[in-house]
Amino acid sequence: MGNILFGIGFIIGGLSGKMVLIGTNSSGALAGVGVLMLLWGLKQSRG
């Protein structure tokens, strides 16, 4: 459940441009990481 919430937060933060991925200064990369975390969380929740 935590991965889903963090993934959604990263996607919103990255797409709004208010947050960036540490080490890259890229908000798009943060949104990409958010999508991966969201998908991983969904896969874990389905068993």
N, C-alpha and C. Protein backbone atom coordinates (compact mmCIF):
# COMPACT_ATOMS: atom_id res chain seq x y z
N MET A 1 0.82 -1.19 0.00
CA MET A 1 0.00 0.00 0.00
C MET A 1 0.86 1.26 0.00
N GLY A 2 1.98 1.20 0.71
CA GLY A 2 2.88 2.35 0.78
C GLY A 2 3.46 2.71 -0.58
N ASN A 3 3.81 1.68 -1.38
CA ASN A 3 4.36 1.95 -2.70
C ASN A 3 3.36 2.67 -3.58
N ILE A 4 2.11 2.33 -3.45
CA ILE A 4 1.06 2.97 -4.25
C ILE A 4 0.95 4.44 -3.86
N LEU A 5 0.93 4.72 -2.56
CA LEU A 5 0.79 6.11 -2.11
C LEU A 5 2.02 6.94 -2.48
N PHE A 6 3.22 6.40 -2.27
CA PHE A 6 4.42 7.13 -2.65
C PHE A 6 4.48 7.32 -4.16
N GLY A 7 4.09 6.31 -4.92
CA GLY A 7 4.08 6.43 -6.38
C GLY A 7 3.17 7.54 -6.84
N ILE A 8 1.98 7.61 -6.28
CA ILE A 8 1.05 8.68 -6.65
C ILE A 8 1.63 10.04 -6.26
N GLY A 9 2.23 10.12 -5.08
CA GLY A 9 2.84 11.37 -4.64
C GLY A 9 3.98 11.80 -5.56
N PHE A 10 4.81 10.86 -5.98
CA PHE A 10 5.92 11.18 -6.88
C PHE A 10 5.41 11.63 -8.24
N ILE A 11 4.36 10.98 -8.73
CA ILE A 11 3.79 11.36 -10.02
C ILE A 11 3.24 12.79 -9.96
N ILE A 12 2.47 13.08 -8.93
CA ILE A 12 1.90 14.42 -8.79
C ILE A 12 3.01 15.46 -8.63
N GLY A 13 3.98 15.18 -7.77
CA GLY A 13 5.08 16.11 -7.56
C GLY A 13 5.91 16.33 -8.81
N GLY A 14 6.16 15.26 -9.55
CA GLY A 14 6.96 15.38 -10.77
C GLY A 14 6.24 16.12 -11.88
N LEU A 15 4.96 15.82 -12.06
CA LEU A 15 4.21 16.48 -13.12
C LEU A 15 3.91 17.94 -12.81
N SER A 16 3.83 18.28 -11.53
CA SER A 16 3.59 19.68 -11.16
C SER A 16 4.87 20.50 -11.28
N GLY A 17 6.03 19.85 -11.32
CA GLY A 17 7.30 20.55 -11.43
C GLY A 17 7.83 21.06 -10.10
N LYS A 18 7.16 20.74 -9.01
CA LYS A 18 7.58 21.23 -7.70
C LYS A 18 8.59 20.30 -7.03
N MET A 19 8.73 19.08 -7.53
CA MET A 19 9.69 18.13 -6.98
C MET A 19 10.54 17.59 -8.12
N VAL A 20 11.80 17.23 -7.80
CA VAL A 20 12.70 16.64 -8.80
C VAL A 20 13.36 15.41 -8.20
N LEU A 21 13.83 14.54 -9.06
CA LEU A 21 14.56 13.36 -8.62
C LEU A 21 15.96 13.77 -8.18
N ILE A 22 16.34 13.40 -6.97
CA ILE A 22 17.65 13.78 -6.43
C ILE A 22 18.76 13.25 -7.34
N GLY A 23 19.70 14.11 -7.64
CA GLY A 23 20.84 13.73 -8.47
C GLY A 23 20.64 13.99 -9.95
N THR A 24 19.39 14.24 -10.36
CA THR A 24 19.14 14.47 -11.78
C THR A 24 18.51 15.83 -12.04
N ASN A 25 17.88 16.43 -11.04
CA ASN A 25 17.13 17.68 -11.20
C ASN A 25 16.07 17.56 -12.30
N SER A 26 15.50 16.38 -12.46
CA SER A 26 14.50 16.12 -13.48
C SER A 26 13.17 15.76 -12.84
N SER A 27 12.15 16.56 -13.13
CA SER A 27 10.83 16.24 -12.61
C SER A 27 10.19 15.10 -13.40
N GLY A 28 10.54 14.99 -14.68
CA GLY A 28 10.02 13.89 -15.49
C GLY A 28 10.53 12.54 -15.01
N ALA A 29 11.78 12.50 -14.59
CA ALA A 29 12.34 11.25 -14.07
C ALA A 29 11.64 10.86 -12.77
N LEU A 30 11.30 11.85 -11.95
CA LEU A 30 10.59 11.56 -10.71
C LEU A 30 9.21 10.98 -11.01
N ALA A 31 8.53 11.54 -11.99
CA ALA A 31 7.22 11.01 -12.38
C ALA A 31 7.37 9.58 -12.90
N GLY A 32 8.44 9.31 -13.64
CA GLY A 32 8.69 7.95 -14.14
C GLY A 32 8.92 6.96 -13.01
N VAL A 33 9.68 7.37 -12.01
CA VAL A 33 9.90 6.52 -10.83
C VAL A 33 8.57 6.30 -10.11
N GLY A 34 7.75 7.33 -10.06
CA GLY A 34 6.44 7.21 -9.44
C GLY A 34 5.56 6.19 -10.13
N VAL A 35 5.60 6.18 -11.45
CA VAL A 35 4.82 5.20 -12.22
C VAL A 35 5.31 3.79 -11.91
N LEU A 36 6.64 3.62 -11.87
CA LEU A 36 7.19 2.30 -11.56
C LEU A 36 6.79 1.84 -10.16
N MET A 37 6.86 2.75 -9.19
CA MET A 37 6.47 2.40 -7.82
C MET A 37 4.98 2.05 -7.75
N LEU A 38 4.17 2.81 -8.46
CA LEU A 38 2.74 2.55 -8.49
C LEU A 38 2.45 1.16 -9.07
N LEU A 39 3.09 0.85 -10.19
CA LEU A 39 2.88 -0.47 -10.81
C LEU A 39 3.37 -1.59 -9.89
N TRP A 40 4.51 -1.39 -9.24
CA TRP A 40 5.04 -2.39 -8.32
C TRP A 40 4.09 -2.61 -7.15
N GLY A 41 3.56 -1.53 -6.61
CA GLY A 41 2.61 -1.63 -5.51
C GLY A 41 1.34 -2.34 -5.92
N LEU A 42 0.85 -2.06 -7.12
CA LEU A 42 -0.36 -2.73 -7.60
C LEU A 42 -0.11 -4.22 -7.79
N LYS A 43 1.08 -4.57 -8.30
CA LYS A 43 1.41 -5.98 -8.49
C LYS A 43 1.49 -6.70 -7.15
N GLN A 44 2.08 -6.05 -6.14
CA GLN A 44 2.19 -6.67 -4.82
C GLN A 44 0.83 -6.84 -4.17
N SER A 45 -0.08 -5.90 -4.39
CA SER A 45 -1.38 -5.97 -3.74
C SER A 45 -2.26 -7.06 -4.36
N ARG A 46 -1.98 -7.42 -5.59
CA ARG A 46 -2.79 -8.47 -6.24
C ARG A 46 -2.33 -9.87 -5.87
N GLY A 47 -1.16 -9.95 -5.27
CA GLY A 47 -0.69 -11.24 -4.77
C GLY A 47 0.19 -11.90 -5.71
